[in-house]
Amino acid sequence: GPALAEYLCFAQLCSVSHLEISPARDALTVHRRLDRGDRE
C-alpha cells in the first residue's frame, strides 16, 4: 500500500476505518485507526 502511493505520487491514508466521498467526487474524508483506540 505505501509503496503504491510512493510510485504513483498519490496521497496515502493507512488503517482507514470509515470512508466518505465528496459529492463532487474529487476529495475524500476518512477516519484512521490509531493506537489505544484513538481516531484521526
ModelCIF file with pLDDT and N, C-alpha, C, O atoms, coordinates in Angstrom:
data_MODEL
#
_entry.id   MODEL 
#
_entity.id                         1 
_entity.type                       polymer 
_entity.pdbx_number_of_molecules   1 
#
_entity_poly.entity_id                      1 
_entity_poly.type                           'polypeptide(L)' 
_entity_poly.nstd_linkage                   no 
_entity_poly.nstd_monomer                   no 
_entity_poly.pdbx_seq_one_letter_code       GPALAEYLCFAQLCSVSHLEISPARDALTVHRRLDRGDRE 
_entity_poly.pdbx_seq_one_letter_code_can   GPALAEYLCFAQLCSVSHLEISPARDALTVHRRLDRGDRE 
_entity_poly.pdbx_strand_id                 A 
#
loop_
_entity_poly_seq.entity_id 
_entity_poly_seq.num 
_entity_poly_seq.mon_id 
_entity_poly_seq.hetero 
1 1  GLY n 
1 2  PRO n 
1 3  ALA n 
1 4  LEU n 
1 5  ALA n 
1 6  GLU n 
1 7  TYR n 
1 8  LEU n 
1 9  CYS n 
1 10 PHE n 
1 11 ALA n 
1 12 GLN n 
1 13 LEU n 
1 14 CYS n 
1 15 SER n 
1 16 VAL n 
1 17 SER n 
1 18 HIS n 
1 19 LEU n 
1 20 GLU n 
1 21 ILE n 
1 22 SER n 
1 23 PRO n 
1 24 ALA n 
1 25 ARG n 
1 26 ASP n 
1 27 ALA n 
1 28 LEU n 
1 29 THR n 
1 30 VAL n 
1 31 HIS n 
1 32 ARG n 
1 33 ARG n 
1 34 LEU n 
1 35 ASP n 
1 36 ARG n 
1 37 GLY n 
1 38 ASP n 
1 39 ARG n 
1 40 GLU n 
#
_struct_asym.id          A 
_struct_asym.entity_id   1 
#
loop_
_ma_qa_metric.id 
_ma_qa_metric.mode 
_ma_qa_metric.name 
_ma_qa_metric.software_group_id 
_ma_qa_metric.type 
1 global pLDDT . pLDDT 
2 local  pLDDT . pLDDT 
#
_ma_qa_metric_global.metric_id      1 
_ma_qa_metric_global.metric_value   88.50 
_ma_qa_metric_global.model_id       1 
_ma_qa_metric_global.ordinal_id     1 
#
loop_
_ma_qa_metric_local.label_asym_id 
_ma_qa_metric_local.label_comp_id 
_ma_qa_metric_local.label_seq_id 
_ma_qa_metric_local.metric_id 
_ma_qa_metric_local.metric_value 
_ma_qa_metric_local.model_id 
_ma_qa_metric_local.ordinal_id 
A GLY 1  2 89.00 1 1  
A PRO 2  2 91.00 1 2  
A ALA 3  2 90.00 1 3  
A LEU 4  2 92.00 1 4  
A ALA 5  2 92.00 1 5  
A GLU 6  2 92.00 1 6  
A TYR 7  2 92.00 1 7  
A LEU 8  2 92.00 1 8  
A CYS 9  2 92.00 1 9  
A PHE 10 2 93.00 1 10 
A ALA 11 2 91.00 1 11 
A GLN 12 2 91.00 1 12 
A LEU 13 2 91.00 1 13 
A CYS 14 2 90.00 1 14 
A SER 15 2 89.00 1 15 
A VAL 16 2 90.00 1 16 
A SER 17 2 89.00 1 17 
A HIS 18 2 90.00 1 18 
A LEU 19 2 90.00 1 19 
A GLU 20 2 90.00 1 20 
A ILE 21 2 89.00 1 21 
A SER 22 2 88.00 1 22 
A PRO 23 2 87.00 1 23 
A ALA 24 2 86.00 1 24 
A ARG 25 2 86.00 1 25 
A ASP 26 2 87.00 1 26 
A ALA 27 2 90.00 1 27 
A LEU 28 2 90.00 1 28 
A THR 29 2 91.00 1 29 
A VAL 30 2 90.00 1 30 
A HIS 31 2 90.00 1 31 
A ARG 32 2 89.00 1 32 
A ARG 33 2 85.00 1 33 
A LEU 34 2 84.00 1 34 
A ASP 35 2 80.00 1 35 
A ARG 36 2 78.00 1 36 
A GLY 37 2 77.00 1 37 
A ASP 38 2 82.00 1 38 
A ARG 39 2 85.00 1 39 
A GLU 40 2 90.00 1 40 
#
loop_
_atom_site.group_PDB 
_atom_site.id 
_atom_site.type_symbol 
_atom_site.label_atom_id 
_atom_site.label_alt_id 
_atom_site.label_comp_id 
_atom_site.label_asym_id 
_atom_site.label_entity_id 
_atom_site.label_seq_id 
_atom_site.pdbx_PDB_ins_code 
_atom_site.Cartn_x 
_atom_site.Cartn_y 
_atom_site.Cartn_z 
_atom_site.occupancy 
_atom_site.B_iso_or_equiv 
_atom_site.pdbx_formal_charge 
_atom_site.auth_seq_id 
_atom_site.auth_comp_id 
_atom_site.auth_asym_id 
_atom_site.auth_atom_id 
_atom_site.pdbx_PDB_model_num 
ATOM 1   N N  . GLY A 1 1  ? 0.806   -1.220 0.000  1.00 89.00 ? 1  GLY A N  1 
ATOM 2   C CA . GLY A 1 1  ? 0.000   0.000  0.000  1.00 89.00 ? 1  GLY A CA 1 
ATOM 3   C C  . GLY A 1 1  ? 0.834   1.262  0.000  1.00 89.00 ? 1  GLY A C  1 
ATOM 4   O O  . GLY A 1 1  ? 0.669   2.087  -0.899 1.00 89.00 ? 1  GLY A O  1 
ATOM 5   N N  . PRO A 1 2  ? 1.732   1.459  0.974  1.00 91.00 ? 2  PRO A N  1 
ATOM 6   C CA . PRO A 1 2  ? 2.581   2.659  0.948  1.00 91.00 ? 2  PRO A CA 1 
ATOM 7   C C  . PRO A 1 2  ? 3.476   2.739  -0.279 1.00 91.00 ? 2  PRO A C  1 
ATOM 8   O O  . PRO A 1 2  ? 3.733   3.831  -0.786 1.00 91.00 ? 2  PRO A O  1 
ATOM 9   N N  . ALA A 1 3  ? 3.961   1.579  -0.772 1.00 90.00 ? 3  ALA A N  1 
ATOM 10  C CA . ALA A 1 3  ? 4.795   1.607  -1.971 1.00 90.00 ? 3  ALA A CA 1 
ATOM 11  C C  . ALA A 1 3  ? 3.993   2.065  -3.186 1.00 90.00 ? 3  ALA A C  1 
ATOM 12  O O  . ALA A 1 3  ? 4.517   2.791  -4.030 1.00 90.00 ? 3  ALA A O  1 
ATOM 13  N N  . LEU A 1 4  ? 2.747   1.655  -3.283 1.00 92.00 ? 4  LEU A N  1 
ATOM 14  C CA . LEU A 1 4  ? 1.888   2.118  -4.377 1.00 92.00 ? 4  LEU A CA 1 
ATOM 15  C C  . LEU A 1 4  ? 1.761   3.638  -4.362 1.00 92.00 ? 4  LEU A C  1 
ATOM 16  O O  . LEU A 1 4  ? 1.893   4.291  -5.398 1.00 92.00 ? 4  LEU A O  1 
ATOM 17  N N  . ALA A 1 5  ? 1.506   4.191  -3.187 1.00 92.00 ? 5  ALA A N  1 
ATOM 18  C CA . ALA A 1 5  ? 1.373   5.643  -3.081 1.00 92.00 ? 5  ALA A CA 1 
ATOM 19  C C  . ALA A 1 5  ? 2.663   6.344  -3.478 1.00 92.00 ? 5  ALA A C  1 
ATOM 20  O O  . ALA A 1 5  ? 2.631   7.421  -4.075 1.00 92.00 ? 5  ALA A O  1 
ATOM 21  N N  . GLU A 1 6  ? 3.804   5.733  -3.145 1.00 92.00 ? 6  GLU A N  1 
ATOM 22  C CA . GLU A 1 6  ? 5.095   6.344  -3.488 1.00 92.00 ? 6  GLU A CA 1 
ATOM 23  C C  . GLU A 1 6  ? 5.338   6.306  -4.997 1.00 92.00 ? 6  GLU A C  1 
ATOM 24  O O  . GLU A 1 6  ? 5.753   7.303  -5.587 1.00 92.00 ? 6  GLU A O  1 
ATOM 25  N N  . TYR A 1 7  ? 5.078   5.152  -5.619 1.00 92.00 ? 7  TYR A N  1 
ATOM 26  C CA . TYR A 1 7  ? 5.327   5.035  -7.058 1.00 92.00 ? 7  TYR A CA 1 
ATOM 27  C C  . TYR A 1 7  ? 4.337   5.869  -7.878 1.00 92.00 ? 7  TYR A C  1 
ATOM 28  O O  . TYR A 1 7  ? 4.687   6.367  -8.948 1.00 92.00 ? 7  TYR A O  1 
ATOM 29  N N  . LEU A 1 8  ? 3.116   6.022  -7.387 1.00 92.00 ? 8  LEU A N  1 
ATOM 30  C CA . LEU A 1 8  ? 2.102   6.783  -8.116 1.00 92.00 ? 8  LEU A CA 1 
ATOM 31  C C  . LEU A 1 8  ? 2.113   8.266  -7.775 1.00 92.00 ? 8  LEU A C  1 
ATOM 32  O O  . LEU A 1 8  ? 1.473   9.066  -8.457 1.00 92.00 ? 8  LEU A O  1 
ATOM 33  N N  . CYS A 1 9  ? 2.853   8.644  -6.699 1.00 92.00 ? 9  CYS A N  1 
ATOM 34  C CA . CYS A 1 9  ? 2.867   10.029 -6.211 1.00 92.00 ? 9  CYS A CA 1 
ATOM 35  C C  . CYS A 1 9  ? 1.464   10.473 -5.802 1.00 92.00 ? 9  CYS A C  1 
ATOM 36  O O  . CYS A 1 9  ? 1.045   11.594 -6.091 1.00 92.00 ? 9  CYS A O  1 
ATOM 37  N N  . PHE A 1 10 ? 0.732   9.559  -5.115 1.00 93.00 ? 10 PHE A N  1 
ATOM 38  C CA . PHE A 1 10 ? -0.602  9.851  -4.611 1.00 93.00 ? 10 PHE A CA 1 
ATOM 39  C C  . PHE A 1 10 ? -0.542  10.055 -3.102 1.00 93.00 ? 10 PHE A C  1 
ATOM 40  O O  . PHE A 1 10 ? 0.402   9.633  -2.434 1.00 93.00 ? 10 PHE A O  1 
ATOM 41  N N  . ALA A 1 11 ? -1.568  10.707 -2.588 1.00 91.00 ? 11 ALA A N  1 
ATOM 42  C CA . ALA A 1 11 ? -1.709  10.807 -1.135 1.00 91.00 ? 11 ALA A CA 1 
ATOM 43  C C  . ALA A 1 11 ? -1.955  9.412  -0.555 1.00 91.00 ? 11 ALA A C  1 
ATOM 44  O O  . ALA A 1 11 ? -2.562  8.558  -1.202 1.00 91.00 ? 11 ALA A O  1 
ATOM 45  N N  . GLN A 1 12 ? -1.480  9.195  0.665  1.00 91.00 ? 12 GLN A N  1 
ATOM 46  C CA . GLN A 1 12 ? -1.570  7.872  1.295  1.00 91.00 ? 12 GLN A CA 1 
ATOM 47  C C  . GLN A 1 12 ? -2.270  7.981  2.648  1.00 91.00 ? 12 GLN A C  1 
ATOM 48  O O  . GLN A 1 12 ? -1.902  8.811  3.479  1.00 91.00 ? 12 GLN A O  1 
ATOM 49  N N  . LEU A 1 13 ? -3.293  7.127  2.863  1.00 91.00 ? 13 LEU A N  1 
ATOM 50  C CA . LEU A 1 13 ? -4.031  7.080  4.120  1.00 91.00 ? 13 LEU A CA 1 
ATOM 51  C C  . LEU A 1 13 ? -4.143  5.622  4.542  1.00 91.00 ? 13 LEU A C  1 
ATOM 52  O O  . LEU A 1 13 ? -4.782  4.822  3.859  1.00 91.00 ? 13 LEU A O  1 
ATOM 53  N N  . CYS A 1 14 ? -3.526  5.278  5.663  1.00 90.00 ? 14 CYS A N  1 
ATOM 54  C CA . CYS A 1 14 ? -3.472  3.888  6.117  1.00 90.00 ? 14 CYS A CA 1 
ATOM 55  C C  . CYS A 1 14 ? -4.436  3.655  7.274  1.00 90.00 ? 14 CYS A C  1 
ATOM 56  O O  . CYS A 1 14 ? -4.836  4.587  7.972  1.00 90.00 ? 14 CYS A O  1 
ATOM 57  N N  . SER A 1 15 ? -4.798  2.385  7.458  1.00 89.00 ? 15 SER A N  1 
ATOM 58  C CA . SER A 1 15 ? -5.672  1.942  8.562  1.00 89.00 ? 15 SER A CA 1 
ATOM 59  C C  . SER A 1 15 ? -6.966  2.741  8.607  1.00 89.00 ? 15 SER A C  1 
ATOM 60  O O  . SER A 1 15 ? -7.351  3.264  9.653  1.00 89.00 ? 15 SER A O  1 
ATOM 61  N N  . VAL A 1 16 ? -7.632  2.830  7.461  1.00 90.00 ? 16 VAL A N  1 
ATOM 62  C CA . VAL A 1 16 ? -8.891  3.584  7.364  1.00 90.00 ? 16 VAL A CA 1 
ATOM 63  C C  . VAL A 1 16 ? -10.028 2.736  7.918  1.00 90.00 ? 16 VAL A C  1 
ATOM 64  O O  . VAL A 1 16 ? -10.169 1.564  7.567  1.00 90.00 ? 16 VAL A O  1 
ATOM 65  N N  . SER A 1 17 ? -10.840 3.337  8.790  1.00 89.00 ? 17 SER A N  1 
ATOM 66  C CA . SER A 1 17 ? -11.992 2.643  9.364  1.00 89.00 ? 17 SER A CA 1 
ATOM 67  C C  . SER A 1 17 ? -13.322 3.198  8.872  1.00 89.00 ? 17 SER A C  1 
ATOM 68  O O  . SER A 1 17 ? -14.356 2.553  9.045  1.00 89.00 ? 17 SER A O  1 
ATOM 69  N N  . HIS A 1 18 ? -13.318 4.371  8.266  1.00 90.00 ? 18 HIS A N  1 
ATOM 70  C CA . HIS A 1 18 ? -14.553 4.982  7.744  1.00 90.00 ? 18 HIS A CA 1 
ATOM 71  C C  . HIS A 1 18 ? -14.180 5.834  6.550  1.00 90.00 ? 18 HIS A C  1 
ATOM 72  O O  . HIS A 1 18 ? -13.158 6.520  6.562  1.00 90.00 ? 18 HIS A O  1 
ATOM 73  N N  . LEU A 1 19 ? -15.019 5.791  5.507  1.00 90.00 ? 19 LEU A N  1 
ATOM 74  C CA . LEU A 1 19 ? -14.717 6.472  4.249  1.00 90.00 ? 19 LEU A CA 1 
ATOM 75  C C  . LEU A 1 19 ? -15.924 7.279  3.802  1.00 90.00 ? 19 LEU A C  1 
ATOM 76  O O  . LEU A 1 19 ? -17.052 6.785  3.807  1.00 90.00 ? 19 LEU A O  1 
ATOM 77  N N  . GLU A 1 20 ? -15.676 8.540  3.412  1.00 90.00 ? 20 GLU A N  1 
ATOM 78  C CA . GLU A 1 20 ? -16.710 9.413  2.854  1.00 90.00 ? 20 GLU A CA 1 
ATOM 79  C C  . GLU A 1 20 ? -16.144 10.106 1.619  1.00 90.00 ? 20 GLU A C  1 
ATOM 80  O O  . GLU A 1 20 ? -15.043 10.656 1.652  1.00 90.00 ? 20 GLU A O  1 
ATOM 81  N N  . ILE A 1 21 ? -16.908 10.071 0.535  1.00 89.00 ? 21 ILE A N  1 
ATOM 82  C CA . ILE A 1 21 ? -16.511 10.715 -0.721 1.00 89.00 ? 21 ILE A CA 1 
ATOM 83  C C  . ILE A 1 21 ? -17.312 12.002 -0.879 1.00 89.00 ? 21 ILE A C  1 
ATOM 84  O O  . ILE A 1 21 ? -18.511 12.026 -0.604 1.00 89.00 ? 21 ILE A O  1 
ATOM 85  N N  . SER A 1 22 ? -16.664 13.054 -1.314 1.00 88.00 ? 22 SER A N  1 
ATOM 86  C CA . SER A 1 22 ? -17.349 14.333 -1.506 1.00 88.00 ? 22 SER A CA 1 
ATOM 87  C C  . SER A 1 22 ? -18.363 14.221 -2.642 1.00 88.00 ? 22 SER A C  1 
ATOM 88  O O  . SER A 1 22 ? -18.191 13.395 -3.538 1.00 88.00 ? 22 SER A O  1 
ATOM 89  N N  . PRO A 1 23 ? -19.412 15.036 -2.618 1.00 87.00 ? 23 PRO A N  1 
ATOM 90  C CA . PRO A 1 23 ? -20.409 14.982 -3.700 1.00 87.00 ? 23 PRO A CA 1 
ATOM 91  C C  . PRO A 1 23 ? -19.803 15.226 -5.080 1.00 87.00 ? 23 PRO A C  1 
ATOM 92  O O  . PRO A 1 23 ? -20.296 14.689 -6.072 1.00 87.00 ? 23 PRO A O  1 
ATOM 93  N N  . ALA A 1 24 ? -18.752 16.019 -5.154 1.00 86.00 ? 24 ALA A N  1 
ATOM 94  C CA . ALA A 1 24 ? -18.117 16.288 -6.442 1.00 86.00 ? 24 ALA A CA 1 
ATOM 95  C C  . ALA A 1 24 ? -17.181 15.170 -6.879 1.00 86.00 ? 24 ALA A C  1 
ATOM 96  O O  . ALA A 1 24 ? -16.638 15.211 -7.982 1.00 86.00 ? 24 ALA A O  1 
ATOM 97  N N  . ARG A 1 25 ? -16.987 14.157 -6.009 1.00 86.00 ? 25 ARG A N  1 
ATOM 98  C CA . ARG A 1 25 ? -16.121 13.010 -6.302 1.00 86.00 ? 25 ARG A CA 1 
ATOM 99  C C  . ARG A 1 25 ? -14.666 13.433 -6.565 1.00 86.00 ? 25 ARG A C  1 
ATOM 100 O O  . ARG A 1 25 ? -13.958 12.790 -7.340 1.00 86.00 ? 25 ARG A O  1 
ATOM 101 N N  . ASP A 1 26 ? -14.230 14.514 -5.915 1.00 87.00 ? 26 ASP A N  1 
ATOM 102 C CA . ASP A 1 26 ? -12.852 14.967 -6.099 1.00 87.00 ? 26 ASP A CA 1 
ATOM 103 C C  . ASP A 1 26 ? -12.055 14.988 -4.799 1.00 87.00 ? 26 ASP A C  1 
ATOM 104 O O  . ASP A 1 26 ? -10.887 15.374 -4.801 1.00 87.00 ? 26 ASP A O  1 
ATOM 105 N N  . ALA A 1 27 ? -12.671 14.577 -3.685 1.00 90.00 ? 27 ALA A N  1 
ATOM 106 C CA . ALA A 1 27 ? -11.990 14.564 -2.391 1.00 90.00 ? 27 ALA A CA 1 
ATOM 107 C C  . ALA A 1 27 ? -12.637 13.507 -1.508 1.00 90.00 ? 27 ALA A C  1 
ATOM 108 O O  . ALA A 1 27 ? -13.746 13.048 -1.781 1.00 90.00 ? 27 ALA A O  1 
ATOM 109 N N  . LEU A 1 28 ? -11.943 13.134 -0.463 1.00 90.00 ? 28 LEU A N  1 
ATOM 110 C CA . LEU A 1 28 ? -12.476 12.148 0.470  1.00 90.00 ? 28 LEU A CA 1 
ATOM 111 C C  . LEU A 1 28 ? -12.094 12.525 1.895  1.00 90.00 ? 28 LEU A C  1 
ATOM 112 O O  . LEU A 1 28 ? -11.108 13.220 2.136  1.00 90.00 ? 28 LEU A O  1 
ATOM 113 N N  . THR A 1 29 ? -12.902 12.046 2.824  1.00 91.00 ? 29 THR A N  1 
ATOM 114 C CA . THR A 1 29 ? -12.660 12.221 4.255  1.00 91.00 ? 29 THR A CA 1 
ATOM 115 C C  . THR A 1 29 ? -12.675 10.844 4.895  1.00 91.00 ? 29 THR A C  1 
ATOM 116 O O  . THR A 1 29 ? -13.613 10.072 4.691  1.00 91.00 ? 29 THR A O  1 
ATOM 117 N N  . VAL A 1 30 ? -11.650 10.533 5.660  1.00 90.00 ? 30 VAL A N  1 
ATOM 118 C CA . VAL A 1 30 ? -11.534 9.207  6.255  1.00 90.00 ? 30 VAL A CA 1 
ATOM 119 C C  . VAL A 1 30 ? -11.290 9.329  7.747  1.00 90.00 ? 30 VAL A C  1 
ATOM 120 O O  . VAL A 1 30 ? -10.799 10.345 8.239  1.00 90.00 ? 30 VAL A O  1 
ATOM 121 N N  . HIS A 1 31 ? -11.648 8.261  8.456  1.00 90.00 ? 31 HIS A N  1 
ATOM 122 C CA . HIS A 1 31 ? -11.294 8.099  9.855  1.00 90.00 ? 31 HIS A CA 1 
ATOM 123 C C  . HIS A 1 31 ? -10.205 7.036  9.931  1.00 90.00 ? 31 HIS A C  1 
ATOM 124 O O  . HIS A 1 31 ? -10.375 5.931  9.415  1.00 90.00 ? 31 HIS A O  1 
ATOM 125 N N  . ARG A 1 32 ? -9.103  7.365  10.564 1.00 89.00 ? 32 ARG A N  1 
ATOM 126 C CA . ARG A 1 32 ? -7.984  6.429  10.692 1.00 89.00 ? 32 ARG A CA 1 
ATOM 127 C C  . ARG A 1 32 ? -7.921  5.866  12.104 1.00 89.00 ? 32 ARG A C  1 
ATOM 128 O O  . ARG A 1 32 ? -8.152  6.575  13.084 1.00 89.00 ? 32 ARG A O  1 
ATOM 129 N N  . ARG A 1 33 ? -7.606  4.583  12.190 1.00 85.00 ? 33 ARG A N  1 
ATOM 130 C CA . ARG A 1 33 ? -7.449  3.928  13.482 1.00 85.00 ? 33 ARG A CA 1 
ATOM 131 C C  . ARG A 1 33 ? -6.026  4.129  13.976 1.00 85.00 ? 33 ARG A C  1 
ATOM 132 O O  . ARG A 1 33 ? -5.057  3.823  13.282 1.00 85.00 ? 33 ARG A O  1 
ATOM 133 N N  . LEU A 1 34 ? -5.923  4.654  15.200 1.00 84.00 ? 34 LEU A N  1 
ATOM 134 C CA . LEU A 1 34 ? -4.630  4.859  15.824 1.00 84.00 ? 34 LEU A CA 1 
ATOM 135 C C  . LEU A 1 34 ? -4.481  3.924  17.018 1.00 84.00 ? 34 LEU A C  1 
ATOM 136 O O  . LEU A 1 34 ? -5.376  3.131  17.310 1.00 84.00 ? 34 LEU A O  1 
ATOM 137 N N  . ASP A 1 35 ? -3.368  4.019  17.692 1.00 80.00 ? 35 ASP A N  1 
ATOM 138 C CA . ASP A 1 35 ? -3.123  3.180  18.857 1.00 80.00 ? 35 ASP A CA 1 
ATOM 139 C C  . ASP A 1 35 ? -4.044  3.574  20.001 1.00 80.00 ? 35 ASP A C  1 
ATOM 140 O O  . ASP A 1 35 ? -4.501  4.713  20.091 1.00 80.00 ? 35 ASP A O  1 
ATOM 141 N N  . ARG A 1 36 ? -4.310  2.598  20.880 1.00 78.00 ? 36 ARG A N  1 
ATOM 142 C CA . ARG A 1 36 ? -5.100  2.797  22.097 1.00 78.00 ? 36 ARG A CA 1 
ATOM 143 C C  . ARG A 1 36 ? -6.516  3.270  21.808 1.00 78.00 ? 36 ARG A C  1 
ATOM 144 O O  . ARG A 1 36 ? -7.112  3.973  22.624 1.00 78.00 ? 36 ARG A O  1 
ATOM 145 N N  . GLY A 1 37 ? -7.058  2.894  20.663 1.00 77.00 ? 37 GLY A N  1 
ATOM 146 C CA . GLY A 1 37 ? -8.446  3.212  20.351 1.00 77.00 ? 37 GLY A CA 1 
ATOM 147 C C  . GLY A 1 37 ? -8.690  4.622  19.858 1.00 77.00 ? 37 GLY A C  1 
ATOM 148 O O  . GLY A 1 37 ? -9.845  5.000  19.665 1.00 77.00 ? 37 GLY A O  1 
ATOM 149 N N  . ASP A 1 38 ? -7.650  5.419  19.644 1.00 82.00 ? 38 ASP A N  1 
ATOM 150 C CA . ASP A 1 38 ? -7.832  6.785  19.146 1.00 82.00 ? 38 ASP A CA 1 
ATOM 151 C C  . ASP A 1 38 ? -8.211  6.769  17.669 1.00 82.00 ? 38 ASP A C  1 
ATOM 152 O O  . ASP A 1 38 ? -7.946  5.803  16.953 1.00 82.00 ? 38 ASP A O  1 
ATOM 153 N N  . ARG A 1 39 ? -8.833  7.853  17.230 1.00 85.00 ? 39 ARG A N  1 
ATOM 154 C CA . ARG A 1 39 ? -9.218  8.022  15.832 1.00 85.00 ? 39 ARG A CA 1 
ATOM 155 C C  . ARG A 1 39 ? -8.700  9.351  15.321 1.00 85.00 ? 39 ARG A C  1 
ATOM 156 O O  . ARG A 1 39 ? -8.582  10.319 16.072 1.00 85.00 ? 39 ARG A O  1 
ATOM 157 N N  . GLU A 1 40 ? -8.391  9.386  14.027 1.00 90.00 ? 40 GLU A N  1 
ATOM 158 C CA . GLU A 1 40 ? -7.906  10.597 13.376 1.00 90.00 ? 40 GLU A CA 1 
ATOM 159 C C  . GLU A 1 40 ? -8.734  10.831 12.121 1.00 90.00 ? 40 GLU A C  1 
ATOM 160 O O  . GLU A 1 40 ? -8.504  11.804 11.403 1.00 90.00 ? 40 GLU A O  1 
#
